[in-house]
């Protein structure tokens, strides 16, 4: 095999796509630059919203507040803005559904009588769990009401000469062994998906142009009759697509590292392990995927009859290799050797390990890199065989 022919095709494809503004915008701007900035803005918004909810008082509509004046005063003294309302059950549900009030507390008429009799005194708390930003406020109100009940129970035991501690035979002490870097995965859980997806889109349009674009322009037949062997033509095109994927990968990780440095994760007790060394390690873990991704996209594009058809196909199938990442989050998969044979999933697990500032086992890195490169070589070989078929001309 002559590398001169492959190199000539590589240079031609690389230079031509540098002149294509659509390719440059999609490969080197929209994914690598804009998506990290958007994630950083979103994370900063969530942090600001969380801090605001912690500091601000929580509005609470109370039905029949006169039935439990001590409870109402207890809540008001702890950052709960009480608004007395006169609702029935239907009106309370409607008020929460229409967001007239986010949280409504209903105190039954027999609340005081039950407390005096030493019986459980239930209250009704109306809220909408589908509104994520209100969950923290609901949890805070619920916790305060529970604490009020616990204080009443302790006073009852003291009145009877019983030490309240004696009725708690088991005391649970929680110890969180997570590190600030480890907790960053909870905030940056989408980063690995966006890095891999941006990398694939970096070479998407070049892979489409390799076959579908040439066929639509009518230049594919002329190209295949050139003195350069057909497999060398496709190898050069795959190499050009891989180079754009590598550039997209480096830009995406760099922009994530740069953008997250301006986000105040420390206010959540979280540290983003995205300095120069971790960022370089993430690029090294994902770099073997560029050959796999470029060959994969080129093969799919070869079956399309037009540029638009190939674009439709690839925008759908480009998400298939990243599907294991979704299951990894749902199933809570942990890094182990057997999973390192699965492309994209192994890179996701390695990136997560880097973000958590945990050491990567050499065996895991070796299996991930070796198997991914092997899959890439196999797909590249299949693409070369596919280019030898006369049916490729359509």
Protein backbone atom coordinates (compact mmCIF):
# COMPACT_ATOMS: atom_id res chain seq x y z
CA UNK A 1 0.00 0.00 0.00
CA UNK A 2 1.38 3.39 -1.01
CA UNK A 3 1.10 6.07 1.65
CA UNK A 4 1.78 8.75 -0.96
CA UNK A 5 -1.66 8.32 -2.53
CA UNK A 6 -3.39 8.33 0.85
CA UNK A 7 -1.47 11.46 1.87
CA UNK A 8 -2.41 13.22 -1.38
CA UNK A 9 -6.11 12.50 -0.88
CA UNK A 10 -5.86 13.53 2.78
CA UNK A 11 -4.34 16.93 1.90
CA UNK A 12 -6.92 17.53 -0.84
CA UNK A 13 -9.89 16.75 1.41
CA UNK A 14 -8.46 18.68 4.34
CA UNK A 15 -7.83 21.83 2.28
CA UNK A 16 -11.19 21.72 0.49
CA UNK A 17 -13.11 21.48 3.73
CA UNK A 18 -11.18 24.41 5.16
CA UNK A 19 -12.87 26.49 2.44
CA UNK A 20 -16.32 25.18 3.36
CA UNK A 21 -17.75 27.55 5.96
CA UNK A 22 -20.60 25.18 6.80
CA UNK A 23 -18.15 22.45 7.71
CA UNK A 24 -15.99 24.78 9.76
CA UNK A 25 -18.96 26.22 11.65
CA UNK A 26 -20.42 22.81 12.47
CA UNK A 27 -17.13 21.07 13.21
CA UNK A 28 -15.17 23.77 14.96
CA UNK A 29 -17.67 26.31 16.32
CA UNK A 30 -21.17 25.05 17.12
CA UNK A 31 -20.22 21.85 18.92
CA UNK A 32 -16.75 22.52 20.35
CA UNK A 33 -17.28 26.16 21.37
CA UNK A 34 -20.96 26.88 21.87
CA UNK A 35 -22.01 23.71 23.72
CA UNK A 36 -19.40 24.06 26.53
CA UNK A 37 -20.36 27.71 26.95
CA UNK A 38 -24.05 26.82 27.13
CA UNK A 39 -23.35 24.11 29.72
CA UNK A 40 -21.30 26.57 31.79
CA UNK A 41 -24.10 29.15 31.63
CA UNK A 42 -26.66 26.51 32.63
CA UNK A 43 -24.55 25.31 35.56
CA UNK A 44 -23.99 28.90 36.69
CA UNK A 45 -27.74 29.53 36.52
CA UNK A 46 -28.45 26.41 38.60
CA UNK A 47 -25.89 27.46 41.19
CA UNK A 48 -27.33 30.97 41.40
CA UNK A 49 -30.87 29.61 41.63
CA UNK A 50 -29.88 27.14 44.35
CA UNK A 51 -28.11 29.80 46.42
CA UNK A 52 -31.08 32.14 46.01
CA UNK A 53 -33.50 29.47 47.20
CA UNK A 54 -31.31 28.77 50.23
CA UNK A 55 -31.09 32.43 51.24
CA UNK A 56 -34.60 33.65 50.46
CA UNK A 57 -37.72 33.10 52.53
CA UNK A 58 -40.19 30.53 51.26
CA UNK A 59 -43.79 31.64 50.71
CA UNK A 60 -46.33 29.29 52.25
CA UNK A 61 -50.11 29.58 52.03
CA UNK A 62 -51.76 28.23 55.19
CA UNK A 63 -55.40 27.15 55.38
CA UNK A 64 -56.96 27.58 58.85
CA UNK A 65 -53.81 28.98 60.44
CA UNK A 66 -55.83 29.77 63.57
CA UNK A 67 -55.99 26.04 64.35
CA UNK A 68 -52.21 25.84 64.93
CA UNK A 69 -50.86 29.28 65.94
CA UNK A 70 -47.72 27.82 67.56
CA UNK A 71 -46.83 25.85 64.43
CA UNK A 72 -47.40 28.92 62.26
CA UNK A 73 -45.19 31.05 64.52
CA UNK A 74 -42.53 28.30 64.49
CA UNK A 75 -42.44 28.30 60.69
CA UNK A 76 -42.48 32.09 60.45
CA UNK A 77 -39.47 32.33 62.77
CA UNK A 78 -37.48 30.07 60.44
CA UNK A 79 -37.72 31.84 57.12
CA UNK A 80 -41.23 30.87 56.01
CA UNK A 81 -43.47 33.69 54.79
CA UNK A 82 -46.94 32.81 55.99
CA UNK A 83 -49.98 33.88 53.98
CA UNK A 84 -53.31 32.97 55.48
CA UNK A 85 -55.87 31.79 52.94
CA UNK A 86 -59.36 30.35 53.04
CA UNK A 87 -59.40 27.44 50.58
CA UNK A 88 -61.18 24.13 50.45
CA UNK A 89 -59.41 21.06 49.01
CA UNK A 90 -60.40 21.78 45.41
CA UNK A 91 -59.31 25.41 45.67
CA UNK A 92 -55.98 24.40 47.23
CA UNK A 93 -55.26 21.97 44.40
CA UNK A 94 -56.23 24.58 41.82
CA UNK A 95 -54.04 27.24 43.45
CA UNK A 96 -50.98 24.98 43.24
CA UNK A 97 -51.77 23.83 39.69
CA UNK A 98 -52.12 27.44 38.50
CA UNK A 99 -49.06 28.50 40.53
CA UNK A 100 -51.03 31.04 42.50
CA UNK A 101 -49.26 29.45 45.46
CA UNK A 102 -46.37 27.00 45.11
CA UNK A 103 -46.97 25.35 48.50
CA UNK A 104 -50.22 25.18 50.47
CA UNK A 105 -50.48 23.85 54.03
CA UNK A 106 -53.89 22.80 55.36
CA UNK A 107 -54.36 22.47 59.11
CA UNK A 108 -57.44 20.41 60.13
CA UNK A 109 -59.93 21.77 62.65
CA UNK A 110 -59.10 19.05 65.20
CA UNK A 111 -55.34 19.68 65.07
CA UNK A 112 -55.13 21.24 68.53
CA UNK A 113 -57.44 18.67 70.10
CA UNK A 114 -55.35 15.81 68.80
CA UNK A 115 -52.16 17.37 70.14
CA UNK A 116 -53.69 17.84 73.60
CA UNK A 117 -54.91 14.24 73.58
CA UNK A 118 -51.45 12.97 72.64
CA UNK A 119 -52.69 11.64 69.33
CA UNK A 120 -51.08 12.08 65.90
CA UNK A 121 -52.17 15.39 64.36
CA UNK A 122 -51.86 15.15 60.56
CA UNK A 123 -51.57 18.16 58.28
CA UNK A 124 -51.93 18.29 54.49
CA UNK A 125 -49.19 19.75 52.28
CA UNK A 126 -50.12 20.57 48.67
CA UNK A 127 -47.34 20.94 46.09
CA UNK A 128 -46.47 20.07 42.49
CA UNK A 129 -43.52 17.65 42.30
CA UNK A 130 -43.23 18.09 38.53
CA UNK A 131 -41.81 21.58 39.07
CA UNK A 132 -38.20 20.78 39.88
CA UNK A 133 -37.23 24.21 41.22
CA UNK A 134 -39.90 24.00 43.94
CA UNK A 135 -38.74 20.70 45.41
CA UNK A 136 -36.16 22.31 47.66
CA UNK A 137 -38.76 24.64 49.18
CA UNK A 138 -41.22 21.80 49.73
CA UNK A 139 -38.51 19.70 51.36
CA UNK A 140 -37.59 22.60 53.65
CA UNK A 141 -41.21 23.12 54.78
CA UNK A 142 -41.68 19.40 55.32
CA UNK A 143 -38.48 19.18 57.37
CA UNK A 144 -39.50 22.12 59.56
CA UNK A 145 -42.91 20.59 60.27
CA UNK A 146 -41.22 17.28 61.14
CA UNK A 147 -38.78 19.06 63.46
CA UNK A 148 -41.70 20.81 65.16
CA UNK A 149 -43.31 17.43 65.75
CA UNK A 150 -40.07 16.01 67.14
CA UNK A 151 -39.72 18.92 69.57
CA UNK A 152 -43.28 18.35 70.81
CA UNK A 153 -42.54 14.65 71.30
CA UNK A 154 -39.39 15.47 73.28
CA UNK A 155 -41.35 17.84 75.54
CA UNK A 156 -43.91 15.11 76.17
CA UNK A 157 -41.22 12.68 77.24
CA UNK A 158 -39.62 15.26 79.54
CA UNK A 159 -43.03 15.97 81.14
CA UNK A 160 -43.26 12.28 81.96
CA UNK A 161 -39.74 12.10 83.33
CA UNK A 162 -38.38 10.19 80.36
CA UNK A 163 -35.12 11.10 78.70
CA UNK A 164 -35.93 11.71 75.00
CA UNK A 165 -32.64 10.15 74.00
CA UNK A 166 -33.70 6.82 75.51
CA UNK A 167 -36.44 6.39 72.91
CA UNK A 168 -33.91 6.59 70.08
CA UNK A 169 -32.06 3.23 70.36
CA UNK A 170 -30.36 3.66 66.98
CA UNK A 171 -28.63 6.84 65.89
CA UNK A 172 -27.43 7.11 62.30
CA UNK A 173 -24.32 9.16 61.62
CA UNK A 174 -23.72 9.80 57.93
CA UNK A 175 -20.16 10.16 56.67
CA UNK A 176 -19.80 11.40 53.10
CA UNK A 177 -16.48 10.10 51.75
CA UNK A 178 -16.88 11.83 48.39
CA UNK A 179 -14.33 14.42 47.35
CA UNK A 180 -15.11 17.83 45.82
CA UNK A 181 -13.86 16.48 42.47
CA UNK A 182 -15.97 13.36 42.83
CA UNK A 183 -19.10 15.41 43.43
CA UNK A 184 -18.42 17.38 40.25
CA UNK A 185 -19.70 14.41 38.23
CA UNK A 186 -23.18 15.14 39.60
CA UNK A 187 -22.99 18.57 37.97
CA UNK A 188 -20.97 17.69 34.85
CA UNK A 189 -22.74 14.42 34.03
CA UNK A 190 -23.59 15.65 30.52
CA UNK A 191 -20.06 16.72 29.70
CA UNK A 192 -18.85 13.29 28.55
CA UNK A 193 -21.84 12.88 26.24
CA UNK A 194 -21.32 16.32 24.67
CA UNK A 195 -17.58 15.74 24.22
CA UNK A 196 -18.13 12.50 22.31
CA UNK A 197 -21.05 13.87 20.31
CA UNK A 198 -19.14 17.03 19.33
CA UNK A 199 -16.21 14.86 18.26
CA UNK A 200 -18.44 12.84 15.92
CA UNK A 201 -20.09 15.92 14.45
CA UNK A 202 -16.63 17.35 13.81
CA UNK A 203 -16.14 14.92 10.93
CA UNK A 204 -19.78 14.44 10.00
CA UNK A 205 -19.96 16.67 6.93
CA UNK A 206 -16.60 15.54 5.61
CA UNK A 207 -17.70 11.90 5.92
CA UNK A 208 -20.91 12.72 4.06
CA UNK A 209 -18.97 14.41 1.30
CA UNK A 210 -16.65 11.40 0.92
CA UNK A 211 -19.25 9.39 -1.01
CA UNK A 212 -22.72 10.96 -1.03
CA UNK A 213 -21.39 14.43 -1.83
CA UNK A 214 -19.14 13.18 -4.62
CA UNK A 215 -22.00 11.10 -6.05
CA UNK A 216 -24.42 14.06 -6.01
CA UNK A 217 -21.89 16.32 -7.77
CA UNK A 218 -21.25 13.62 -10.37
CA UNK A 219 -17.55 13.49 -9.55
CA UNK A 220 -17.50 10.08 -7.89
CA UNK A 221 -17.09 8.13 -11.15
CA UNK A 222 -14.22 10.36 -12.27
CA UNK A 223 -12.61 10.02 -8.85
CA UNK A 224 -12.82 6.22 -8.90
CA UNK A 225 -11.22 6.03 -12.37
CA UNK A 226 -8.13 7.93 -11.17
CA UNK A 227 -4.83 6.02 -11.00
CA UNK A 228 -4.98 6.01 -7.19
CA UNK A 229 -6.33 2.67 -5.83
CA UNK A 230 -9.87 2.98 -4.56
CA UNK A 231 -9.09 1.88 -1.02
CA UNK A 232 -6.40 4.55 -0.80
CA UNK A 233 -8.96 7.15 -1.81
CA UNK A 234 -11.28 6.22 1.02
CA UNK A 235 -8.41 5.86 3.50
CA UNK A 236 -7.34 9.40 2.71
CA UNK A 237 -10.91 10.67 3.13
CA UNK A 238 -11.28 8.80 6.43
CA UNK A 239 -7.98 10.30 7.59
CA UNK A 240 -9.21 13.81 6.74
CA UNK A 241 -12.47 13.25 8.63
CA UNK A 242 -10.50 11.85 11.57
CA UNK A 243 -8.29 14.94 11.64
CA UNK A 244 -11.33 17.22 11.90
CA UNK A 245 -12.71 15.00 14.66
CA UNK A 246 -9.43 15.31 16.55
CA UNK A 247 -9.49 19.11 16.23
CA UNK A 248 -13.12 19.16 17.38
CA UNK A 249 -12.27 16.92 20.34
CA UNK A 250 -9.37 19.11 21.46
CA UNK A 251 -11.41 22.30 21.07
CA UNK A 252 -14.39 20.88 22.97
CA UNK A 253 -12.35 19.69 25.94
CA UNK A 254 -10.34 22.92 25.97
CA UNK A 255 -13.48 25.03 25.94
CA UNK A 256 -15.03 22.96 28.73
CA UNK A 257 -11.87 23.46 30.79
CA UNK A 258 -11.88 27.19 30.08
CA UNK A 259 -15.63 27.76 30.55
CA UNK A 260 -15.95 25.79 33.79
CA UNK A 261 -13.11 27.80 35.34
CA UNK A 262 -15.51 30.77 35.44
CA UNK A 263 -18.32 28.82 37.11
CA UNK A 264 -18.48 29.06 40.89
CA UNK A 265 -18.76 25.35 41.60
CA UNK A 266 -16.99 25.92 44.92
CA UNK A 267 -20.20 27.43 46.29
CA UNK A 268 -21.71 23.94 46.02
CA UNK A 269 -18.70 22.27 47.60
CA UNK A 270 -17.63 20.97 44.20
CA UNK A 271 -14.36 21.25 42.33
CA UNK A 272 -14.12 20.65 38.57
CA UNK A 273 -11.01 18.58 37.83
CA UNK A 274 -10.51 20.16 34.41
CA UNK A 275 -7.05 21.66 34.55
CA UNK A 276 -4.52 21.28 31.71
CA UNK A 277 -3.33 17.81 32.77
CA UNK A 278 -6.80 16.27 33.26
CA UNK A 279 -7.98 17.87 30.00
CA UNK A 280 -5.00 16.38 28.14
CA UNK A 281 -5.75 12.98 29.70
CA UNK A 282 -9.38 13.19 28.57
CA UNK A 283 -8.24 13.95 25.02
CA UNK A 284 -5.83 11.01 25.15
CA UNK A 285 -8.59 8.66 26.34
CA UNK A 286 -10.97 9.75 23.55
CA UNK A 287 -8.47 10.13 20.70
CA UNK A 288 -8.59 6.41 19.68
CA UNK A 289 -12.26 6.93 18.83
CA UNK A 290 -11.57 9.24 15.92
CA UNK A 291 -10.61 6.41 13.56
CA UNK A 292 -13.62 4.36 14.64
CA UNK A 293 -15.97 7.35 14.29
CA UNK A 294 -14.72 8.53 10.90
CA UNK A 295 -14.83 5.03 9.38
CA UNK A 296 -18.27 4.39 10.89
CA UNK A 297 -19.74 7.60 9.44
CA UNK A 298 -18.07 7.03 6.05
CA UNK A 299 -19.57 3.53 5.74
CA UNK A 300 -23.07 4.77 6.57
CA UNK A 301 -22.71 7.64 4.11
CA UNK A 302 -21.73 5.24 1.33
CA UNK A 303 -25.27 3.85 1.21
CA UNK A 304 -26.93 7.25 0.69
CA UNK A 305 -27.77 8.44 -2.81
CA UNK A 306 -27.63 12.17 -2.09
CA UNK A 307 -26.01 14.59 0.31
CA UNK A 308 -29.32 15.39 2.01
CA UNK A 309 -30.20 11.72 2.41
CA UNK A 310 -26.80 11.01 3.95
CA UNK A 311 -27.21 13.99 6.27
CA UNK A 312 -30.56 12.64 7.44
CA UNK A 313 -29.17 9.16 8.01
CA UNK A 314 -26.06 10.26 9.85
CA UNK A 315 -27.79 12.71 12.17
CA UNK A 316 -29.89 9.77 13.34
CA UNK A 317 -27.26 7.04 13.51
CA UNK A 318 -24.61 9.30 15.05
CA UNK A 319 -26.44 8.96 18.37
CA UNK A 320 -26.41 5.14 18.29
CA UNK A 321 -22.81 4.71 19.54
CA UNK A 322 -23.52 7.10 22.41
CA UNK A 323 -26.58 5.18 23.62
CA UNK A 324 -24.52 3.10 26.13
CA UNK A 325 -23.75 6.35 27.95
CA UNK A 326 -27.43 6.74 28.83
CA UNK A 327 -27.61 3.22 30.22
CA UNK A 328 -24.40 3.82 32.14
CA UNK A 329 -26.09 6.63 34.03
CA UNK A 330 -29.37 4.76 34.55
CA UNK A 331 -27.69 1.54 35.72
CA UNK A 332 -24.88 3.23 37.64
CA UNK A 333 -22.20 1.25 35.80
CA UNK A 334 -18.79 1.25 37.43
CA UNK A 335 -15.44 1.09 35.65
CA UNK A 336 -14.32 -2.51 35.09
CA UNK A 337 -12.23 -4.35 32.54
CA UNK A 338 -15.10 -6.02 30.67
CA UNK A 339 -16.71 -2.65 29.89
CA UNK A 340 -13.48 -1.31 28.42
CA UNK A 341 -14.17 -3.38 25.29
CA UNK A 342 -17.27 -1.27 24.53
CA UNK A 343 -16.38 1.82 22.46
CA UNK A 344 -17.77 5.14 23.66
CA UNK A 345 -18.82 3.54 26.95
CA UNK A 346 -15.22 2.87 27.93
CA UNK A 347 -14.26 6.45 27.04
CA UNK A 348 -17.20 7.74 29.09
CA UNK A 349 -16.10 5.73 32.12
CA UNK A 350 -12.48 6.86 31.74
CA UNK A 351 -13.52 10.51 31.45
CA UNK A 352 -15.69 10.13 34.55
CA UNK A 353 -12.71 8.69 36.40
CA UNK A 354 -10.61 11.69 35.38
CA UNK A 355 -13.33 14.14 36.46
CA UNK A 356 -13.48 12.43 39.85
CA UNK A 357 -9.70 12.88 40.18
CA UNK A 358 -9.26 9.13 40.60
CA UNK A 359 -6.37 7.16 39.12
CA UNK A 360 -6.97 5.21 35.90
CA UNK A 361 -5.84 1.61 36.02
CA UNK A 362 -3.25 0.95 33.27
CA UNK A 363 -5.10 -2.23 32.27
CA UNK A 364 -8.34 -0.31 31.73
CA UNK A 365 -6.59 2.30 29.61
CA UNK A 366 -4.75 -0.36 27.60
CA UNK A 367 -7.90 -2.40 26.91
CA UNK A 368 -9.92 0.69 25.98
CA UNK A 369 -7.30 2.12 23.63
CA UNK A 370 -6.37 -1.23 22.10
CA UNK A 371 -9.92 -2.47 21.47
CA UNK A 372 -11.14 0.88 20.13
CA UNK A 373 -8.21 1.13 17.71
CA UNK A 374 -8.84 -2.46 16.61
CA UNK A 375 -12.50 -1.69 15.89
CA UNK A 376 -11.43 1.41 13.96
CA UNK A 377 -8.97 -0.57 11.83
CA UNK A 378 -11.64 -3.18 11.06
CA UNK A 379 -14.17 -0.54 10.03
CA UNK A 380 -11.56 1.25 7.92
CA UNK A 381 -10.75 -2.02 6.16
CA UNK A 382 -14.46 -2.63 5.54
CA UNK A 383 -14.78 0.87 4.11
CA UNK A 384 -11.89 0.10 1.73
CA UNK A 385 -13.57 -3.11 0.63
CA UNK A 386 -16.84 -1.23 0.16
CA UNK A 387 -15.16 1.26 -2.16
CA UNK A 388 -14.06 -1.56 -4.47
CA UNK A 389 -17.68 -2.43 -5.30
CA UNK A 390 -19.02 -1.15 -8.62
CA UNK A 391 -22.42 -0.70 -6.98
CA UNK A 392 -20.91 2.25 -5.16
CA UNK A 393 -21.49 4.36 -8.26
CA UNK A 394 -25.21 4.04 -7.63
